[in-house]
């Protein structure tokens, strides 16, 4: 995947995650708050006003008497008349039900879960590629000098920007100046295989690596990579088997040889016999000298009769 596309995918996933997360928690809080509806303020104020009017009316009745009763009758008549002329107020629209809020929260939660899963797969892919690249550097360059070289780092930056062919050329130039750092050749083969999809060119790079004078472990793992290409994309099964048998026969003590044995046994192919060791001079059995005959007491010219 191109570096720009990867950054764009991360940005889109993060934005979607924030949006789904906000919607999920907002609807969840609203659904939870719907269980305890607040008490109406109008009901509280109306009850307090009625209690106050009752107390006031009782005090006036005790002080004034019959005059107040006549006045109260007139007031009640006026209130009743005014009440008949007014229309009842429309009830307020009910808030969203708890069920709709819960359904919305579940929808946003499902979207958030999908975003988290996609983001996890993307992070795992990038981490696996990074770990594999570092392991190959460790195998093919013991001191890892190239990882600190600014020329090689510049080639890696060009590769990260998606300019694969230009990165290969820079790595070739670096490898000419530092022929011992064969991990660069492996990196070129990896770019041909994984980024450009040119499996034949990748196999040719691995073949050139195997011609170099490498340690047993390095040579074995490079051969394993090449056998994977032979048996996979290039459809050269016999060459893959021959290479695995060569690993077992010539580098049988390495970890790569253990991997090659497992592959051969899984395919039902007999393992090659280890080369026979020539006996050394010390191991050769010495020739026993012929025994000397015992001395004879016969006269000269006579021999002992054979039994």
C-alpha atoms as a PDB file:
ATOM      1  CA  UNK A   1       0.000   0.000   0.000  1.00  0.00           C
ATOM      2  CA  UNK A   2       1.272   3.484  -0.892  1.00  0.00           C
ATOM      3  CA  UNK A   3       2.338   5.683   2.012  1.00  0.00           C
ATOM      4  CA  UNK A   4      -0.148   8.450   1.130  1.00  0.00           C
ATOM      5  CA  UNK A   5      -3.032   5.985   0.913  1.00  0.00           C
ATOM      6  CA  UNK A   6      -2.028   4.482   4.248  1.00  0.00           C
ATOM      7  CA  UNK A   7      -1.992   7.893   5.951  1.00  0.00           C
ATOM      8  CA  UNK A   8      -5.375   8.694   4.393  1.00  0.00           C
ATOM      9  CA  UNK A   9      -6.822   5.407   5.656  1.00  0.00           C
ATOM     10  CA  UNK A  10      -5.596   6.157   9.177  1.00  0.00           C
ATOM     11  CA  UNK A  11      -7.133   9.660   9.048  1.00  0.00           C
ATOM     12  CA  UNK A  12     -10.514   8.405   7.792  1.00  0.00           C
ATOM     13  CA  UNK A  13     -10.655   5.667  10.429  1.00  0.00           C
ATOM     14  CA  UNK A  14      -9.800   8.101  13.221  1.00  0.00           C
ATOM     15  CA  UNK A  15     -12.463  10.598  12.113  1.00  0.00           C
ATOM     16  CA  UNK A  16     -15.089   7.866  11.830  1.00  0.00           C
ATOM     17  CA  UNK A  17     -14.085   6.527  15.233  1.00  0.00           C
ATOM     18  CA  UNK A  18     -14.532   9.939  16.859  1.00  0.00           C
ATOM     19  CA  UNK A  19     -17.926  10.454  15.176  1.00  0.00           C
ATOM     20  CA  UNK A  20     -19.279   7.023  16.090  1.00  0.00           C
ATOM     21  CA  UNK A  21     -17.919   7.328  19.623  1.00  0.00           C
ATOM     22  CA  UNK A  22     -19.570  10.707  20.182  1.00  0.00           C
ATOM     23  CA  UNK A  23     -22.934   9.463  18.874  1.00  0.00           C
ATOM     24  CA  UNK A  24     -22.747   6.304  20.970  1.00  0.00           C
ATOM     25  CA  UNK A  25     -22.046   8.029  24.290  1.00  0.00           C
ATOM     26  CA  UNK A  26     -24.538  10.871  23.623  1.00  0.00           C
ATOM     27  CA  UNK A  27     -27.427   8.494  22.891  1.00  0.00           C
ATOM     28  CA  UNK A  28     -26.449   6.189  25.721  1.00  0.00           C
ATOM     29  CA  UNK A  29     -26.530   9.075  28.206  1.00  0.00           C
ATOM     30  CA  UNK A  30     -29.924  10.232  26.874  1.00  0.00           C
ATOM     31  CA  UNK A  31     -31.387   6.715  27.129  1.00  0.00           C
ATOM     32  CA  UNK A  32     -30.168   6.404  30.711  1.00  0.00           C
ATOM     33  CA  UNK A  33     -31.569   9.808  31.700  1.00  0.00           C
ATOM     34  CA  UNK A  34     -35.023   8.906  30.287  1.00  0.00           C
ATOM     35  CA  UNK A  35     -35.647   6.544  33.217  1.00  0.00           C
ATOM     36  CA  UNK A  36     -35.977   9.427  35.755  1.00  0.00           C
ATOM     37  CA  UNK A  37     -38.114  12.244  34.227  1.00  0.00           C
ATOM     38  CA  UNK A  38     -37.811  15.586  36.088  1.00  0.00           C
ATOM     39  CA  UNK A  39     -40.827  17.023  38.026  1.00  0.00           C
ATOM     40  CA  UNK A  40     -42.685  19.865  36.304  1.00  0.00           C
ATOM     41  CA  UNK A  41     -41.878  23.365  37.620  1.00  0.00           C
ATOM     42  CA  UNK A  42     -45.379  24.597  36.842  1.00  0.00           C
ATOM     43  CA  UNK A  43     -46.926  21.963  39.093  1.00  0.00           C
ATOM     44  CA  UNK A  44     -44.703  22.966  42.012  1.00  0.00           C
ATOM     45  CA  UNK A  45     -45.403  26.706  41.636  1.00  0.00           C
ATOM     46  CA  UNK A  46     -49.146  26.121  41.218  1.00  0.00           C
ATOM     47  CA  UNK A  47     -49.329  24.041  44.392  1.00  0.00           C
ATOM     48  CA  UNK A  48     -47.423  26.668  46.382  1.00  0.00           C
ATOM     49  CA  UNK A  49     -49.683  29.464  45.076  1.00  0.00           C
ATOM     50  CA  UNK A  50     -52.845  27.561  45.982  1.00  0.00           C
ATOM     51  CA  UNK A  51     -51.606  26.996  49.543  1.00  0.00           C
ATOM     52  CA  UNK A  52     -50.801  30.717  49.916  1.00  0.00           C
ATOM     53  CA  UNK A  53     -54.216  31.778  48.633  1.00  0.00           C
ATOM     54  CA  UNK A  54     -55.950  29.388  51.053  1.00  0.00           C
ATOM     55  CA  UNK A  55     -54.168  30.838  54.084  1.00  0.00           C
ATOM     56  CA  UNK A  56     -54.878  34.440  52.970  1.00  0.00           C
ATOM     57  CA  UNK A  57     -58.560  33.748  52.390  1.00  0.00           C
ATOM     58  CA  UNK A  58     -58.949  32.162  55.814  1.00  0.00           C
ATOM     59  CA  UNK A  59     -57.407  35.228  57.562  1.00  0.00           C
ATOM     60  CA  UNK A  60     -59.632  37.686  55.712  1.00  0.00           C
ATOM     61  CA  UNK A  61     -62.736  35.641  56.487  1.00  0.00           C
ATOM     62  CA  UNK A  62     -62.049  35.834  60.219  1.00  0.00           C
ATOM     63  CA  UNK A  63     -61.462  39.623  60.215  1.00  0.00           C
ATOM     64  CA  UNK A  64     -64.126  40.952  57.854  1.00  0.00           C
ATOM     65  CA  UNK A  65     -67.012  38.431  58.023  1.00  0.00           C
ATOM     66  CA  UNK A  66     -70.103  38.735  55.865  1.00  0.00           C
ATOM     67  CA  UNK A  67     -68.703  41.568  53.699  1.00  0.00           C
ATOM     68  CA  UNK A  68     -65.838  39.412  52.535  1.00  0.00           C
ATOM     69  CA  UNK A  69     -68.203  36.538  51.763  1.00  0.00           C
ATOM     70  CA  UNK A  70     -70.164  38.723  49.382  1.00  0.00           C
ATOM     71  CA  UNK A  71     -66.938  40.005  47.792  1.00  0.00           C
ATOM     72  CA  UNK A  72     -65.563  36.470  47.405  1.00  0.00           C
ATOM     73  CA  UNK A  73     -68.765  35.390  45.708  1.00  0.00           C
ATOM     74  CA  UNK A  74     -68.395  38.199  43.157  1.00  0.00           C
ATOM     75  CA  UNK A  75     -64.704  37.283  42.593  1.00  0.00           C
ATOM     76  CA  UNK A  76     -65.542  33.618  42.078  1.00  0.00           C
ATOM     77  CA  UNK A  77     -68.202  34.569  39.559  1.00  0.00           C
ATOM     78  CA  UNK A  78     -65.731  36.741  37.607  1.00  0.00           C
ATOM     79  CA  UNK A  79     -63.031  34.000  37.682  1.00  0.00           C
ATOM     80  CA  UNK A  80     -65.483  31.417  36.412  1.00  0.00           C
ATOM     81  CA  UNK A  81     -66.575  33.720  33.607  1.00  0.00           C
ATOM     82  CA  UNK A  82     -62.988  34.470  32.557  1.00  0.00           C
ATOM     83  CA  UNK A  83     -62.047  30.782  32.667  1.00  0.00           C
ATOM     84  CA  UNK A  84     -64.823  29.841  30.245  1.00  0.00           C
ATOM     85  CA  UNK A  85     -63.433  32.228  27.613  1.00  0.00           C
ATOM     86  CA  UNK A  86     -59.851  30.822  27.642  1.00  0.00           C
ATOM     87  CA  UNK A  87     -58.709  27.849  25.576  1.00  0.00           C
ATOM     88  CA  UNK A  88     -56.609  25.103  27.211  1.00  0.00           C
ATOM     89  CA  UNK A  89     -52.883  25.269  26.375  1.00  0.00           C
ATOM     90  CA  UNK A  90     -51.485  22.615  24.031  1.00  0.00           C
ATOM     91  CA  UNK A  91     -49.367  19.954  25.780  1.00  0.00           C
ATOM     92  CA  UNK A  92     -45.619  20.054  25.110  1.00  0.00           C
ATOM     93  CA  UNK A  93     -44.231  17.577  22.604  1.00  0.00           C
ATOM     94  CA  UNK A  94     -42.945  14.474  24.425  1.00  0.00           C
ATOM     95  CA  UNK A  95     -39.179  13.860  24.273  1.00  0.00           C
ATOM     96  CA  UNK A  96     -37.719  10.966  22.319  1.00  0.00           C
ATOM     97  CA  UNK A  97     -38.522   7.620  23.878  1.00  0.00           C
ATOM     98  CA  UNK A  98     -35.942   5.474  25.601  1.00  0.00           C
ATOM     99  CA  UNK A  99     -36.247   2.776  22.908  1.00  0.00           C
ATOM    100  CA  UNK A 100     -35.265   5.091  20.056  1.00  0.00           C
ATOM    101  CA  UNK A 101     -32.302   6.411  22.012  1.00  0.00           C
ATOM    102  CA  UNK A 102     -31.164   2.859  22.797  1.00  0.00           C
ATOM    103  CA  UNK A 103     -31.463   1.840  19.134  1.00  0.00           C
ATOM    104  CA  UNK A 104     -29.379   4.842  18.072  1.00  0.00           C
ATOM    105  CA  UNK A 105     -26.748   4.012  20.689  1.00  0.00           C
ATOM    106  CA  UNK A 106     -26.523   0.424  19.403  1.00  0.00           C
ATOM    107  CA  UNK A 107     -26.144   1.634  15.817  1.00  0.00           C
ATOM    108  CA  UNK A 108     -23.326   4.015  16.692  1.00  0.00           C
ATOM    109  CA  UNK A 109     -21.725   1.320  18.863  1.00  0.00           C
ATOM    110  CA  UNK A 110     -21.689  -1.157  15.964  1.00  0.00           C
ATOM    111  CA  UNK A 111     -20.037   1.449  13.738  1.00  0.00           C
ATOM    112  CA  UNK A 112     -17.443   2.185  16.415  1.00  0.00           C
ATOM    113  CA  UNK A 113     -16.658  -1.530  16.759  1.00  0.00           C
ATOM    114  CA  UNK A 114     -16.171  -1.891  12.991  1.00  0.00           C
ATOM    115  CA  UNK A 115     -13.790   1.087  12.949  1.00  0.00           C
ATOM    116  CA  UNK A 116     -11.763  -0.354  15.834  1.00  0.00           C
ATOM    117  CA  UNK A 117     -11.467  -3.731  14.058  1.00  0.00           C
ATOM    118  CA  UNK A 118     -10.303  -2.137  10.781  1.00  0.00           C
ATOM    119  CA  UNK A 119      -7.833   0.061  12.616  1.00  0.00           C
ATOM    120  CA  UNK A 120      -6.489  -2.977  14.476  1.00  0.00           C
ATOM    121  CA  UNK A 121      -5.926  -4.892  11.229  1.00  0.00           C
ATOM    122  CA  UNK A 122      -4.106  -1.939   9.682  1.00  0.00           C
ATOM    123  CA  UNK A 123      -1.844  -1.479  12.702  1.00  0.00           C
ATOM    124  CA  UNK A 124      -1.102  -5.226  12.845  1.00  0.00           C
ATOM    125  CA  UNK A 125      -0.170  -5.233   9.140  1.00  0.00           C
ATOM    126  CA  UNK A 126       2.239  -2.319   9.530  1.00  0.00           C
ATOM    127  CA  UNK A 127       3.782  -3.791  12.686  1.00  0.00           C
ATOM    128  CA  UNK A 128       4.323  -7.200  11.064  1.00  0.00           C
ATOM    129  CA  UNK A 129       6.075  -5.626   8.080  1.00  0.00           C
ATOM    130  CA  UNK A 130       8.240  -3.508  10.359  1.00  0.00           C
ATOM    131  CA  UNK A 131       9.180  -6.519  12.510  1.00  0.00           C
ATOM    132  CA  UNK A 132       9.984  -8.654   9.454  1.00  0.00           C
ATOM    133  CA  UNK A 133      12.152  -5.915   7.988  1.00  0.00           C
ATOM    134  CA  UNK A 134      14.101  -5.522  11.225  1.00  0.00           C
ATOM    135  CA  UNK A 135      14.573  -9.296  11.507  1.00  0.00           C
ATOM    136  CA  UNK A 136      15.964  -9.514   7.984  1.00  0.00           C
ATOM    137  CA  UNK A 137      18.367  -6.709   8.803  1.00  0.00           C
ATOM    138  CA  UNK A 138      19.491  -8.603  11.863  1.00  0.00           C
ATOM    139  CA  UNK A 139      20.051 -11.805   9.870  1.00  0.00           C
ATOM    140  CA  UNK A 140      21.913 -10.245   6.953  1.00  0.00           C
ATOM    141  CA  UNK A 141      23.884  -7.571   8.763  1.00  0.00           C
ATOM    142  CA  UNK A 142      25.294  -8.474  12.145  1.00  0.00           C
ATOM    143  CA  UNK A 143      26.490  -5.021  13.157  1.00  0.00           C
ATOM    144  CA  UNK A 144      23.583  -3.142  11.495  1.00  0.00           C
ATOM    145  CA  UNK A 145      25.905  -0.417  10.201  1.00  0.00           C
ATOM    146  CA  UNK A 146      23.654   0.225   7.214  1.00  0.00           C
ATOM    147  CA  UNK A 147      20.719   1.136   9.447  1.00  0.00           C
ATOM    148  CA  UNK A 148      22.711   4.155  10.651  1.00  0.00           C
ATOM    149  CA  UNK A 149      24.097   5.184   7.268  1.00  0.00           C
ATOM    150  CA  UNK A 150      22.393   8.336   5.921  1.00  0.00           C
ATOM    151  CA  UNK A 151      22.698   7.128   2.314  1.00  0.00           C
ATOM    152  CA  UNK A 152      20.744   3.978   3.068  1.00  0.00           C
ATOM    153  CA  UNK A 153      18.196   5.897   5.141  1.00  0.00           C
ATOM    154  CA  UNK A 154      17.645   8.192   2.170  1.00  0.00           C
ATOM    155  CA  UNK A 155      16.855   5.158   0.012  1.00  0.00           C
ATOM    156  CA  UNK A 156      14.352   3.960   2.617  1.00  0.00           C
ATOM    157  CA  UNK A 157      12.662   7.381   2.626  1.00  0.00           C
ATOM    158  CA  UNK A 158      12.320   7.234  -1.154  1.00  0.00           C
ATOM    159  CA  UNK A 159      10.758   3.771  -0.819  1.00  0.00           C
ATOM    160  CA  UNK A 160       8.336   5.066   1.848  1.00  0.00           C
ATOM    161  CA  UNK A 161       7.124   7.736  -0.608  1.00  0.00           C
ATOM    162  CA  UNK A 162       6.210   5.045  -3.124  1.00  0.00           C
ATOM    163  CA  UNK A 163       9.117   5.549  -5.566  1.00  0.00           C
ATOM    164  CA  UNK A 164      10.146   1.888  -5.606  1.00  0.00           C
ATOM    165  CA  UNK A 165      12.342   1.850  -8.716  1.00  0.00           C
ATOM    166  CA  UNK A 166      14.267   4.922  -7.593  1.00  0.00           C
ATOM    167  CA  UNK A 167      14.743   3.350  -4.166  1.00  0.00           C
ATOM    168  CA  UNK A 168      16.121   0.169  -5.774  1.00  0.00           C
ATOM    169  CA  UNK A 169      18.637   2.194  -7.765  1.00  0.00           C
ATOM    170  CA  UNK A 170      19.805   4.049  -4.649  1.00  0.00           C
ATOM    171  CA  UNK A 171      20.171   0.744  -2.813  1.00  0.00           C
ATOM    172  CA  UNK A 172      22.210  -0.719  -5.668  1.00  0.00           C
ATOM    173  CA  UNK A 173      24.551   2.273  -5.547  1.00  0.00           C
ATOM    174  CA  UNK A 174      24.888   1.841  -1.805  1.00  0.00           C
ATOM    175  CA  UNK A 175      25.563  -1.894  -2.191  1.00  0.00           C
ATOM    176  CA  UNK A 176      28.374  -1.228  -4.674  1.00  0.00           C
ATOM    177  CA  UNK A 177      30.125   0.896  -2.065  1.00  0.00           C
ATOM    178  CA  UNK A 178      29.362  -1.545   0.793  1.00  0.00           C
ATOM    179  CA  UNK A 179      29.359  -5.055  -0.747  1.00  0.00           C
ATOM    180  CA  UNK A 180      29.561  -6.725   2.662  1.00  0.00           C
ATOM    181  CA  UNK A 181      26.114  -5.481   3.719  1.00  0.00           C
ATOM    182  CA  UNK A 182      24.100  -8.107   1.905  1.00  0.00           C
ATOM    183  CA  UNK A 183      20.894  -7.217   3.723  1.00  0.00           C
ATOM    184  CA  UNK A 184      20.569  -4.427   1.132  1.00  0.00           C
ATOM    185  CA  UNK A 185      20.397  -7.031  -1.632  1.00  0.00           C
ATOM    186  CA  UNK A 186      17.717  -8.839   0.340  1.00  0.00           C
ATOM    187  CA  UNK A 187      15.820  -5.561   0.684  1.00  0.00           C
ATOM    188  CA  UNK A 188      15.933  -5.107  -3.097  1.00  0.00           C
ATOM    189  CA  UNK A 189      14.529  -8.612  -3.567  1.00  0.00           C
ATOM    190  CA  UNK A 190      11.771  -7.836  -1.066  1.00  0.00           C
ATOM    191  CA  UNK A 191      10.762  -4.677  -2.947  1.00  0.00           C
ATOM    192  CA  UNK A 192      10.620  -6.602  -6.219  1.00  0.00           C
ATOM    193  CA  UNK A 193       8.470  -9.296  -4.618  1.00  0.00           C
ATOM    194  CA  UNK A 194       6.064  -7.397  -2.354  1.00  0.00           C
ATOM    195  CA  UNK A 195       5.845  -3.888  -3.818  1.00  0.00           C
ATOM    196  CA  UNK A 196       6.378  -4.378  -7.544  1.00  0.00           C
ATOM    197  CA  UNK A 197       5.076  -7.952  -7.884  1.00  0.00           C
ATOM    198  CA  UNK A 198       8.057  -8.895 -10.088  1.00  0.00           C
ATOM    199  CA  UNK A 199       8.731 -12.374  -8.720  1.00  0.00           C
ATOM    200  CA  UNK A 200      11.238 -13.338 -11.394  1.00  0.00           C
ATOM    201  CA  UNK A 201      13.405 -10.310 -10.604  1.00  0.00           C
ATOM    202  CA  UNK A 202      13.163 -11.135  -6.898  1.00  0.00           C
ATOM    203  CA  UNK A 203      14.328 -14.710  -7.574  1.00  0.00           C
ATOM    204  CA  UNK A 204      17.296 -13.430  -9.595  1.00  0.00           C
ATOM    205  CA  UNK A 205      18.271 -11.187  -6.677  1.00  0.00           C
ATOM    206  CA  UNK A 206      18.159 -14.147  -4.260  1.00  0.00           C
ATOM    207  CA  UNK A 207      20.252 -16.227  -6.658  1.00  0.00           C
ATOM    208  CA  UNK A 208      22.900 -13.509  -6.695  1.00  0.00           C
ATOM    209  CA  UNK A 209      22.866 -13.442  -2.892  1.00  0.00           C
ATOM    210  CA  UNK A 210      23.524 -17.196  -2.756  1.00  0.00           C
ATOM    211  CA  UNK A 211      26.626 -16.714  -4.913  1.00  0.00           C
ATOM    212  CA  UNK A 212      28.206 -14.516  -2.251  1.00  0.00           C
ATOM    213  CA  UNK A 213      30.428 -15.818   0.497  1.00  0.00           C
ATOM    214  CA  UNK A 214      28.020 -15.796   3.429  1.00  0.00           C
ATOM    215  CA  UNK A 215      27.829 -17.518   6.781  1.00  0.00           C
ATOM    216  CA  UNK A 216      25.900 -20.778   6.975  1.00  0.00           C
ATOM    217  CA  UNK A 217      22.860 -19.219   8.665  1.00  0.00           C
ATOM    218  CA  UNK A 218      22.676 -16.325   6.231  1.00  0.00           C
ATOM    219  CA  UNK A 219      23.007 -18.560   3.204  1.00  0.00           C
ATOM    220  CA  UNK A 220      20.390 -20.988   4.514  1.00  0.00           C
ATOM    221  CA  UNK A 221      17.709 -18.365   5.124  1.00  0.00           C
ATOM    222  CA  UNK A 222      18.319 -16.723   1.755  1.00  0.00           C
ATOM    223  CA  UNK A 223      17.863 -20.137   0.151  1.00  0.00           C
ATOM    224  CA  UNK A 224      14.601 -20.618   2.070  1.00  0.00           C
ATOM    225  CA  UNK A 225      13.297 -17.327   0.638  1.00  0.00           C
ATOM    226  CA  UNK A 226      14.255 -18.418  -2.870  1.00  0.00           C
ATOM    227  CA  UNK A 227      12.619 -21.842  -2.472  1.00  0.00           C
ATOM    228  CA  UNK A 228       9.386 -20.129  -1.398  1.00  0.00           C
ATOM    229  CA  UNK A 229       9.397 -18.154  -4.641  1.00  0.00           C
ATOM    230  CA  UNK A 230      10.154 -21.269  -6.685  1.00  0.00           C
ATOM    231  CA  UNK A 231       7.341 -23.309  -5.140  1.00  0.00           C
ATOM    232  CA  UNK A 232       4.852 -20.421  -5.096  1.00  0.00           C
ATOM    233  CA  UNK A 233       4.582 -17.694  -7.711  1.00  0.00           C
ATOM    234  CA  UNK A 234       7.130 -19.083 -10.182  1.00  0.00           C
ATOM    235  CA  UNK A 235       5.656 -22.635 -10.252  1.00  0.00           C
ATOM    236  CA  UNK A 236       9.091 -24.297 -10.252  1.00  0.00           C
ATOM    237  CA  UNK A 237       8.480 -27.093  -7.779  1.00  0.00           C
ATOM    238  CA  UNK A 238      11.462 -29.223  -8.762  1.00  0.00           C
ATOM    239  CA  UNK A 239      13.918 -26.343  -8.343  1.00  0.00           C
ATOM    240  CA  UNK A 240      12.412 -25.644  -4.921  1.00  0.00           C
ATOM    241  CA  UNK A 241      12.882 -29.290  -3.875  1.00  0.00           C
ATOM    242  CA  UNK A 242      16.455 -29.335  -5.164  1.00  0.00           C
ATOM    243  CA  UNK A 243      17.269 -26.189  -3.217  1.00  0.00           C
ATOM    244  CA  UNK A 244      15.730 -27.542   0.004  1.00  0.00           C
ATOM    245  CA  UNK A 245      17.699 -30.768  -0.360  1.00  0.00           C
ATOM    246  CA  UNK A 246      20.868 -28.757  -0.885  1.00  0.00           C
ATOM    247  CA  UNK A 247      20.210 -26.825   2.325  1.00  0.00           C
ATOM    248  CA  UNK A 248      19.827 -30.085   4.261  1.00  0.00           C
ATOM    249  CA  UNK A 249      22.858 -31.710   2.658  1.00  0.00           C
ATOM    250  CA  UNK A 250      25.328 -28.809   2.873  1.00  0.00           C
ATOM    251  CA  UNK A 251      24.076 -26.824   5.880  1.00  0.00           C
ATOM    252  CA  UNK A 252      22.376 -29.493   7.958  1.00  0.00           C
ATOM    253  CA  UNK A 253      23.316 -27.937  11.316  1.00  0.00           C
ATOM    254  CA  UNK A 254      21.518 -24.618  10.687  1.00  0.00           C
ATOM    255  CA  UNK A 255      18.014 -23.513  11.630  1.00  0.00           C
ATOM    256  CA  UNK A 256      17.219 -23.085   7.936  1.00  0.00           C
ATOM    257  CA  UNK A 257      18.022 -26.786   7.405  1.00  0.00           C
ATOM    258  CA  UNK A 258      15.488 -27.686  10.111  1.00  0.00           C
ATOM    259  CA  UNK A 259      12.874 -25.674   8.240  1.00  0.00           C
ATOM    260  CA  UNK A 260      13.852 -27.365   4.974  1.00  0.00           C
ATOM    261  CA  UNK A 261      13.499 -30.853   6.538  1.00  0.00           C
ATOM    262  CA  UNK A 262      10.005 -29.991   7.740  1.00  0.00           C
ATOM    263  CA  UNK A 263       9.030 -28.837   4.250  1.00  0.00           C
ATOM    264  CA  UNK A 264      10.412 -31.959   2.585  1.00  0.00           C
ATOM    265  CA  UNK A 265       8.775 -34.320   5.061  1.00  0.00           C
ATOM    266  CA  UNK A 266       5.433 -32.525   4.717  1.00  0.00           C
ATOM    267  CA  UNK A 267       5.548 -33.104   0.957  1.00  0.00           C
ATOM    268  CA  UNK A 268       6.583 -36.754   1.366  1.00  0.00           C
ATOM    269  CA  UNK A 269      10.042 -36.284  -0.154  1.00  0.00           C
ATOM    270  CA  UNK A 270      12.959 -38.335   1.142  1.00  0.00           C
ATOM    271  CA  UNK A 271      15.700 -36.436   2.896  1.00  0.00           C
ATOM    272  CA  UNK A 272      19.144 -36.488   1.304  1.00  0.00           C
ATOM    273  CA  UNK A 273      21.777 -38.569   3.021  1.00  0.00           C
ATOM    274  CA  UNK A 274      24.633 -36.632   4.599  1.00  0.00           C
ATOM    275  CA  UNK A 275      27.895 -36.885   2.669  1.00  0.00           C
ATOM    276  CA  UNK A 276      30.120 -39.764   3.781  1.00  0.00           C
ATOM    277  CA  UNK A 277      33.220 -38.664   5.579  1.00  0.00           C
ATOM    278  CA  UNK A 278      36.524 -40.039   4.277  1.00  0.00           C
ATOM    279  CA  UNK A 279      38.483 -41.936   6.943  1.00  0.00           C
ATOM    280  CA  UNK A 280      41.550 -40.153   8.163  1.00  0.00           C
ATOM    281  CA  UNK A 281      45.014 -41.700   8.329  1.00  0.00           C
ATOM    282  CA  UNK A 282      44.715 -42.182  12.065  1.00  0.00           C
ATOM    283  CA  UNK A 283      41.443 -44.108  11.670  1.00  0.00           C
ATOM    284  CA  UNK A 284      42.878 -46.581   9.111  1.00  0.00           C
ATOM    285  CA  UNK A 285      43.572 -50.046  10.593  1.00  0.00           C
ATOM    286  CA  UNK A 286      47.302 -50.778  10.747  1.00  0.00           C
ATOM    287  CA  UNK A 287      48.647 -53.803   8.777  1.00  0.00           C
ATOM    288  CA  UNK A 288      49.832 -56.501  11.164  1.00  0.00           C
ATOM    289  CA  UNK A 289      53.337 -57.797  10.359  1.00  0.00           C
ATOM    290  CA  UNK A 290      53.746 -61.467   9.331  1.00  0.00           C
ATOM    291  CA  UNK A 291      54.886 -63.666  12.208  1.00  0.00           C
ATOM    292  CA  UNK A 292      58.524 -64.841  12.131  1.00  0.00           C
ATOM    293  CA  UNK A 293      59.081 -68.631  12.130  1.00  0.00           C
ATOM    294  CA  UNK A 294      60.638 -70.173  15.223  1.00  0.00           C
ATOM    295  CA  UNK A 295      64.340 -71.079  15.008  1.00  0.00           C
ATOM    296  CA  UNK A 296      65.108 -74.613  13.633  1.00  0.00           C
ATOM    297  CA  UNK A 297      67.649 -77.131  15.128  1.00  0.00           C
ATOM    298  CA  UNK A 298      67.965 -79.165  11.871  1.00  0.00           C
ATOM    299  CA  UNK A 299      71.194 -79.303   9.837  1.00  0.00           C
ATOM    300  CA  UNK A 300      71.635 -76.860   7.000  1.00  0.00           C
ATOM    301  CA  UNK A 301      69.755 -77.848   3.883  1.00  0.00           C
ATOM    302  CA  UNK A 302      66.968 -79.673   5.756  1.00  0.00           C
ATOM    303  CA  UNK A 303      63.536 -78.241   6.391  1.00  0.00           C
ATOM    304  CA  UNK A 304      60.804 -79.146   8.850  1.00  0.00           C
ATOM    305  CA  UNK A 305      58.185 -81.506   7.481  1.00  0.00           C
ATOM    306  CA  UNK A 306      54.774 -79.874   7.047  1.00  0.00           C
ATOM    307  CA  UNK A 307      51.969 -81.440   8.982  1.00  0.00           C
END
